[in-house]
Amino acid sequence: MVTRAVRGAIRVKDNRAMLIQEASIRLMKELIARNSIAEMDVVSIIFSVTNDLTSLNPATALRSIGFHEIPLFCVQEAFIEGQHPGIIRVLLTFNADEEKIPQPVYLDGAEVLRPDLTA
């Protein structure tokens, strides 16, 4: 077993708690499914949000479906002029077999952040 990390992002249309919760959970479920990650193999999860998303912490959203034993952390993304609004990013660290290649997930317009990984 080795420790791996995989990134993902999703765009949220509006700063409403319900939309942030749905997007956070959808992103995490897709990231976990695409990479066949068991919850017990997750080491930690770091979220970042753009400064326009203030109604809910994505880590709080994830706790609503479990992940109670996993360290979760959320930070505000550095403000960069011209950045895309409404973005939740995630960095998931997990234990996996050595040959496993992490597959990033970019959803709902966040694909523009990393076209090299989503083509």
N, C-alpha and C. Protein backbone atom coordinates (compact mmCIF):
# COMPACT_ATOMS: atom_id res chain seq x y z
N MET A 1 0.85 -1.19 0.00
CA MET A 1 0.00 0.00 0.00
C MET A 1 0.88 1.25 0.00
N VAL A 2 0.41 2.25 -0.73
CA VAL A 2 1.07 3.55 -0.78
C VAL A 2 0.02 4.64 -0.54
N THR A 3 0.49 5.80 -0.19
CA THR A 3 -0.42 6.94 -0.02
C THR A 3 -0.48 7.70 -1.33
N ARG A 4 -1.70 7.97 -1.79
CA ARG A 4 -1.95 8.69 -3.03
C ARG A 4 -2.81 9.91 -2.72
N ALA A 5 -2.86 10.82 -3.66
CA ALA A 5 -3.76 11.97 -3.55
C ALA A 5 -4.41 12.19 -4.90
N VAL A 6 -5.64 12.66 -4.86
CA VAL A 6 -6.38 12.94 -6.09
C VAL A 6 -7.17 14.23 -5.88
N ARG A 7 -7.26 14.99 -6.97
CA ARG A 7 -7.95 16.28 -6.91
C ARG A 7 -9.25 16.24 -7.68
N GLY A 8 -10.09 17.19 -7.32
CA GLY A 8 -11.35 17.35 -8.03
C GLY A 8 -11.90 18.73 -7.79
N ALA A 9 -12.89 19.10 -8.58
CA ALA A 9 -13.55 20.40 -8.40
C ALA A 9 -14.94 20.33 -9.01
N ILE A 10 -15.79 21.21 -8.52
CA ILE A 10 -17.15 21.33 -9.04
C ILE A 10 -17.55 22.79 -8.97
N ARG A 11 -18.37 23.20 -9.91
CA ARG A 11 -18.87 24.58 -9.90
C ARG A 11 -20.27 24.58 -9.31
N VAL A 12 -20.53 25.56 -8.44
CA VAL A 12 -21.83 25.72 -7.81
C VAL A 12 -22.46 26.98 -8.41
N LYS A 13 -23.71 26.87 -8.81
CA LYS A 13 -24.37 27.98 -9.52
C LYS A 13 -24.69 29.17 -8.63
N ASP A 14 -24.90 28.93 -7.33
CA ASP A 14 -25.36 30.00 -6.46
C ASP A 14 -24.89 29.73 -5.03
N ASN A 15 -24.74 30.79 -4.26
CA ASN A 15 -24.29 30.69 -2.87
C ASN A 15 -25.45 30.34 -1.94
N ARG A 16 -26.01 29.15 -2.16
CA ARG A 16 -27.07 28.66 -1.27
C ARG A 16 -26.58 27.37 -0.62
N ALA A 17 -26.83 27.26 0.67
CA ALA A 17 -26.35 26.11 1.44
C ALA A 17 -26.74 24.78 0.80
N MET A 18 -27.99 24.68 0.35
CA MET A 18 -28.46 23.43 -0.25
C MET A 18 -27.65 23.08 -1.51
N LEU A 19 -27.35 24.07 -2.34
CA LEU A 19 -26.58 23.82 -3.56
C LEU A 19 -25.14 23.44 -3.25
N ILE A 20 -24.56 24.09 -2.25
CA ILE A 20 -23.18 23.75 -1.84
C ILE A 20 -23.14 22.34 -1.28
N GLN A 21 -24.13 21.99 -0.47
CA GLN A 21 -24.19 20.64 0.09
C GLN A 21 -24.32 19.60 -1.02
N GLU A 22 -25.26 19.80 -1.93
CA GLU A 22 -25.45 18.84 -3.02
C GLU A 22 -24.20 18.71 -3.88
N ALA A 23 -23.57 19.83 -4.21
CA ALA A 23 -22.37 19.79 -5.05
C ALA A 23 -21.21 19.10 -4.34
N SER A 24 -21.02 19.39 -3.06
CA SER A 24 -19.92 18.79 -2.29
C SER A 24 -20.07 17.28 -2.22
N ILE A 25 -21.27 16.84 -1.93
CA ILE A 25 -21.53 15.40 -1.81
C ILE A 25 -21.40 14.73 -3.18
N ARG A 26 -21.94 15.35 -4.21
CA ARG A 26 -21.83 14.77 -5.56
C ARG A 26 -20.38 14.64 -6.00
N LEU A 27 -19.59 15.68 -5.76
CA LEU A 27 -18.17 15.64 -6.11
C LEU A 27 -17.46 14.51 -5.38
N MET A 28 -17.69 14.41 -4.09
CA MET A 28 -17.00 13.38 -3.30
C MET A 28 -17.44 11.98 -3.71
N LYS A 29 -18.73 11.78 -3.93
CA LYS A 29 -19.20 10.46 -4.34
C LYS A 29 -18.59 10.05 -5.68
N GLU A 30 -18.50 10.99 -6.61
CA GLU A 30 -17.92 10.69 -7.92
C GLU A 30 -16.42 10.41 -7.80
N LEU A 31 -15.72 11.18 -6.99
CA LEU A 31 -14.29 10.99 -6.80
C LEU A 31 -14.01 9.62 -6.18
N ILE A 32 -14.79 9.26 -5.19
CA ILE A 32 -14.62 7.97 -4.51
C ILE A 32 -14.99 6.82 -5.44
N ALA A 33 -16.07 6.96 -6.19
CA ALA A 33 -16.50 5.89 -7.10
C ALA A 33 -15.49 5.70 -8.23
N ARG A 34 -15.08 6.79 -8.85
CA ARG A 34 -14.17 6.70 -9.99
C ARG A 34 -12.82 6.11 -9.60
N ASN A 35 -12.43 6.31 -8.34
CA ASN A 35 -11.14 5.81 -7.88
C ASN A 35 -11.25 4.57 -7.00
N SER A 36 -12.45 4.03 -6.86
CA SER A 36 -12.70 2.83 -6.05
C SER A 36 -12.06 2.94 -4.67
N ILE A 37 -12.36 4.03 -3.97
CA ILE A 37 -11.77 4.29 -2.65
C ILE A 37 -12.76 3.90 -1.57
N ALA A 38 -12.33 3.07 -0.65
CA ALA A 38 -13.14 2.73 0.51
C ALA A 38 -12.95 3.82 1.57
N GLU A 39 -14.01 4.14 2.29
CA GLU A 39 -13.91 5.19 3.31
C GLU A 39 -12.78 4.91 4.29
N MET A 40 -12.56 3.65 4.63
CA MET A 40 -11.50 3.30 5.59
C MET A 40 -10.10 3.57 5.03
N ASP A 41 -9.97 3.77 3.71
CA ASP A 41 -8.67 4.06 3.10
C ASP A 41 -8.38 5.55 2.97
N VAL A 42 -9.38 6.39 3.29
CA VAL A 42 -9.19 7.84 3.20
C VAL A 42 -8.36 8.30 4.39
N VAL A 43 -7.29 9.06 4.10
CA VAL A 43 -6.41 9.60 5.14
C VAL A 43 -6.93 10.96 5.60
N SER A 44 -7.21 11.84 4.65
CA SER A 44 -7.73 13.17 4.98
C SER A 44 -8.30 13.81 3.71
N ILE A 45 -9.11 14.86 3.92
CA ILE A 45 -9.72 15.57 2.81
C ILE A 45 -9.61 17.07 3.07
N ILE A 46 -9.09 17.78 2.09
CA ILE A 46 -9.00 19.24 2.18
C ILE A 46 -9.86 19.84 1.09
N PHE A 47 -10.75 20.74 1.49
CA PHE A 47 -11.57 21.49 0.54
C PHE A 47 -11.07 22.92 0.48
N SER A 48 -11.26 23.55 -0.67
CA SER A 48 -11.12 25.00 -0.76
C SER A 48 -12.33 25.52 -1.52
N VAL A 49 -12.71 26.75 -1.20
CA VAL A 49 -13.86 27.38 -1.86
C VAL A 49 -13.47 28.78 -2.30
N THR A 50 -14.06 29.23 -3.40
CA THR A 50 -13.85 30.61 -3.81
C THR A 50 -14.58 31.52 -2.83
N ASN A 51 -14.17 32.79 -2.79
CA ASN A 51 -14.67 33.70 -1.75
C ASN A 51 -16.15 34.05 -1.87
N ASP A 52 -16.80 33.64 -2.95
CA ASP A 52 -18.23 33.91 -3.10
C ASP A 52 -19.11 32.81 -2.51
N LEU A 53 -18.52 31.71 -2.06
CA LEU A 53 -19.28 30.62 -1.44
C LEU A 53 -19.12 30.71 0.08
N THR A 54 -20.15 31.24 0.72
CA THR A 54 -20.06 31.52 2.16
C THR A 54 -21.18 30.90 2.98
N SER A 55 -22.17 30.25 2.35
CA SER A 55 -23.31 29.77 3.13
C SER A 55 -23.15 28.39 3.75
N LEU A 56 -22.15 27.63 3.33
CA LEU A 56 -21.94 26.31 3.93
C LEU A 56 -20.51 25.86 3.67
N ASN A 57 -19.93 25.22 4.65
CA ASN A 57 -18.60 24.63 4.55
C ASN A 57 -18.76 23.25 3.90
N PRO A 58 -18.04 22.94 2.82
CA PRO A 58 -18.15 21.62 2.20
C PRO A 58 -17.81 20.46 3.15
N ALA A 59 -16.94 20.70 4.11
CA ALA A 59 -16.63 19.65 5.09
C ALA A 59 -17.86 19.33 5.93
N THR A 60 -18.61 20.35 6.31
CA THR A 60 -19.86 20.14 7.05
C THR A 60 -20.84 19.35 6.20
N ALA A 61 -20.92 19.68 4.93
CA ALA A 61 -21.80 18.95 4.01
C ALA A 61 -21.42 17.48 3.96
N LEU A 62 -20.15 17.19 3.88
CA LEU A 62 -19.69 15.80 3.81
C LEU A 62 -19.99 15.04 5.09
N ARG A 63 -19.88 15.70 6.22
CA ARG A 63 -20.19 15.04 7.50
C ARG A 63 -21.66 14.58 7.55
N SER A 64 -22.52 15.22 6.77
CA SER A 64 -23.94 14.85 6.79
C SER A 64 -24.17 13.44 6.23
N ILE A 65 -23.18 12.89 5.52
CA ILE A 65 -23.34 11.53 4.98
C ILE A 65 -22.29 10.57 5.55
N GLY A 66 -21.62 10.97 6.62
CA GLY A 66 -20.62 10.10 7.24
C GLY A 66 -19.27 10.78 7.36
N PHE A 67 -18.21 10.03 7.15
CA PHE A 67 -16.84 10.54 7.20
C PHE A 67 -16.50 11.15 8.57
N HIS A 68 -17.09 10.60 9.64
CA HIS A 68 -16.90 11.16 10.98
C HIS A 68 -15.52 10.91 11.56
N GLU A 69 -14.83 9.90 11.10
CA GLU A 69 -13.51 9.57 11.64
C GLU A 69 -12.36 10.12 10.79
N ILE A 70 -12.70 10.81 9.72
CA ILE A 70 -11.68 11.29 8.78
C ILE A 70 -11.44 12.78 9.02
N PRO A 71 -10.18 13.20 9.12
CA PRO A 71 -9.90 14.63 9.24
C PRO A 71 -10.33 15.37 7.97
N LEU A 72 -11.18 16.38 8.14
CA LEU A 72 -11.64 17.23 7.05
C LEU A 72 -11.23 18.65 7.35
N PHE A 73 -10.90 19.39 6.30
CA PHE A 73 -10.44 20.77 6.48
C PHE A 73 -10.93 21.59 5.30
N CYS A 74 -11.29 22.84 5.55
CA CYS A 74 -11.75 23.71 4.48
C CYS A 74 -11.07 25.06 4.60
N VAL A 75 -10.61 25.58 3.47
CA VAL A 75 -9.96 26.89 3.42
C VAL A 75 -10.57 27.70 2.29
N GLN A 76 -10.38 29.01 2.38
CA GLN A 76 -10.82 29.87 1.28
C GLN A 76 -9.72 29.96 0.25
N GLU A 77 -10.10 29.78 -1.00
CA GLU A 77 -9.16 29.87 -2.11
C GLU A 77 -8.59 31.29 -2.18
N ALA A 78 -7.33 31.41 -2.49
CA ALA A 78 -6.74 32.74 -2.67
C ALA A 78 -7.49 33.46 -3.77
N PHE A 79 -7.80 34.74 -3.55
CA PHE A 79 -8.50 35.50 -4.59
C PHE A 79 -7.50 35.89 -5.67
N ILE A 80 -7.80 35.48 -6.89
CA ILE A 80 -6.98 35.80 -8.05
C ILE A 80 -7.89 36.52 -9.04
N GLU A 81 -7.46 37.66 -9.50
CA GLU A 81 -8.25 38.42 -10.45
C GLU A 81 -8.63 37.56 -11.64
N GLY A 82 -9.91 37.56 -11.99
CA GLY A 82 -10.39 36.80 -13.13
C GLY A 82 -10.68 35.33 -12.84
N GLN A 83 -10.58 34.92 -11.58
CA GLN A 83 -10.83 33.51 -11.27
C GLN A 83 -12.30 33.15 -11.52
N HIS A 84 -12.55 31.89 -11.73
CA HIS A 84 -13.91 31.39 -11.93
C HIS A 84 -14.64 31.40 -10.60
N PRO A 85 -15.85 31.93 -10.54
CA PRO A 85 -16.61 31.96 -9.29
C PRO A 85 -17.29 30.61 -9.01
N GLY A 86 -17.69 30.45 -7.76
CA GLY A 86 -18.50 29.30 -7.38
C GLY A 86 -17.80 27.97 -7.46
N ILE A 87 -16.53 27.92 -7.14
CA ILE A 87 -15.76 26.68 -7.28
C ILE A 87 -15.44 26.07 -5.92
N ILE A 88 -15.73 24.79 -5.80
CA ILE A 88 -15.29 23.97 -4.66
C ILE A 88 -14.22 23.04 -5.20
N ARG A 89 -13.05 23.08 -4.58
CA ARG A 89 -11.96 22.16 -4.95
C ARG A 89 -11.74 21.19 -3.80
N VAL A 90 -11.21 20.04 -4.12
CA VAL A 90 -10.93 19.04 -3.09
C VAL A 90 -9.61 18.35 -3.39
N LEU A 91 -8.89 18.04 -2.33
CA LEU A 91 -7.69 17.21 -2.40
C LEU A 91 -7.92 16.06 -1.42
N LEU A 92 -8.07 14.86 -1.94
CA LEU A 92 -8.35 13.68 -1.15
C LEU A 92 -7.09 12.82 -1.08
N THR A 93 -6.62 12.54 0.11
CA THR A 93 -5.44 11.69 0.32
C THR A 93 -5.94 10.33 0.80
N PHE A 94 -5.42 9.27 0.19
CA PHE A 94 -5.93 7.94 0.52
C PHE A 94 -4.82 6.90 0.36
N ASN A 95 -5.04 5.75 0.97
CA ASN A 95 -4.13 4.62 0.83
C ASN A 95 -4.66 3.71 -0.27
N ALA A 96 -3.73 3.22 -1.11
CA ALA A 96 -4.15 2.40 -2.26
C ALA A 96 -3.03 1.44 -2.63
N ASP A 97 -3.39 0.50 -3.49
CA ASP A 97 -2.37 -0.38 -4.05
C ASP A 97 -1.40 0.46 -4.87
N GLU A 98 -0.17 0.01 -4.93
CA GLU A 98 0.89 0.76 -5.60
C GLU A 98 0.59 1.07 -7.07
N GLU A 99 -0.06 0.15 -7.75
CA GLU A 99 -0.31 0.34 -9.18
C GLU A 99 -1.51 1.24 -9.49
N LYS A 100 -2.25 1.64 -8.49
CA LYS A 100 -3.44 2.47 -8.70
C LYS A 100 -3.04 3.88 -9.16
N ILE A 101 -3.61 4.33 -10.26
CA ILE A 101 -3.38 5.68 -10.80
C ILE A 101 -4.60 6.53 -10.46
N PRO A 102 -4.46 7.57 -9.65
CA PRO A 102 -5.60 8.41 -9.28
C PRO A 102 -6.23 9.09 -10.50
N GLN A 103 -7.56 9.13 -10.52
CA GLN A 103 -8.33 9.74 -11.60
C GLN A 103 -9.03 11.00 -11.07
N PRO A 104 -8.61 12.18 -11.49
CA PRO A 104 -9.25 13.41 -11.01
C PRO A 104 -10.67 13.55 -11.55
N VAL A 105 -11.47 14.36 -10.86
CA VAL A 105 -12.87 14.57 -11.24
C VAL A 105 -13.15 16.07 -11.26
N TYR A 106 -13.60 16.56 -12.40
CA TYR A 106 -14.00 17.96 -12.55
C TYR A 106 -15.39 17.98 -13.15
N LEU A 107 -16.34 18.65 -12.45
CA LEU A 107 -17.75 18.57 -12.82
C LEU A 107 -18.40 19.95 -12.98
N ASP A 108 -19.46 19.98 -13.76
CA ASP A 108 -20.38 21.12 -13.84
C ASP A 108 -19.71 22.44 -14.21
N GLY A 109 -18.77 22.39 -15.12
CA GLY A 109 -18.10 23.61 -15.55
C GLY A 109 -16.73 23.80 -14.94
N ALA A 110 -16.38 23.01 -13.95
CA ALA A 110 -15.04 23.10 -13.35
C ALA A 110 -13.97 22.48 -14.25
N GLU A 111 -14.40 21.83 -15.32
CA GLU A 111 -13.46 21.24 -16.27
C GLU A 111 -12.52 22.28 -16.85
N VAL A 112 -12.96 23.53 -16.90
CA VAL A 112 -12.12 24.61 -17.47
C VAL A 112 -10.88 24.86 -16.62
N LEU A 113 -10.91 24.41 -15.37
CA LEU A 113 -9.75 24.61 -14.49
C LEU A 113 -8.57 23.74 -14.90
N ARG A 114 -8.86 22.56 -15.41
CA ARG A 114 -7.80 21.61 -15.80
C ARG A 114 -8.17 20.90 -17.09
N PRO A 115 -8.19 21.62 -18.20
CA PRO A 115 -8.55 20.95 -19.46
C PRO A 115 -7.58 19.84 -19.84
N ASP A 116 -6.37 19.91 -19.32
CA ASP A 116 -5.38 18.86 -19.61
C ASP A 116 -5.77 17.53 -18.95
N LEU A 117 -6.59 17.59 -17.91
CA LEU A 117 -7.00 16.36 -17.21
C LEU A 117 -8.40 15.91 -17.58
N THR A 118 -9.14 16.75 -18.29
CA THR A 118 -10.53 16.42 -18.56
C THR A 118 -10.85 16.26 -20.04
N ALA A 119 -9.82 16.31 -20.88
CA ALA A 119 -10.05 16.20 -22.33
C ALA A 119 -10.48 14.81 -22.71
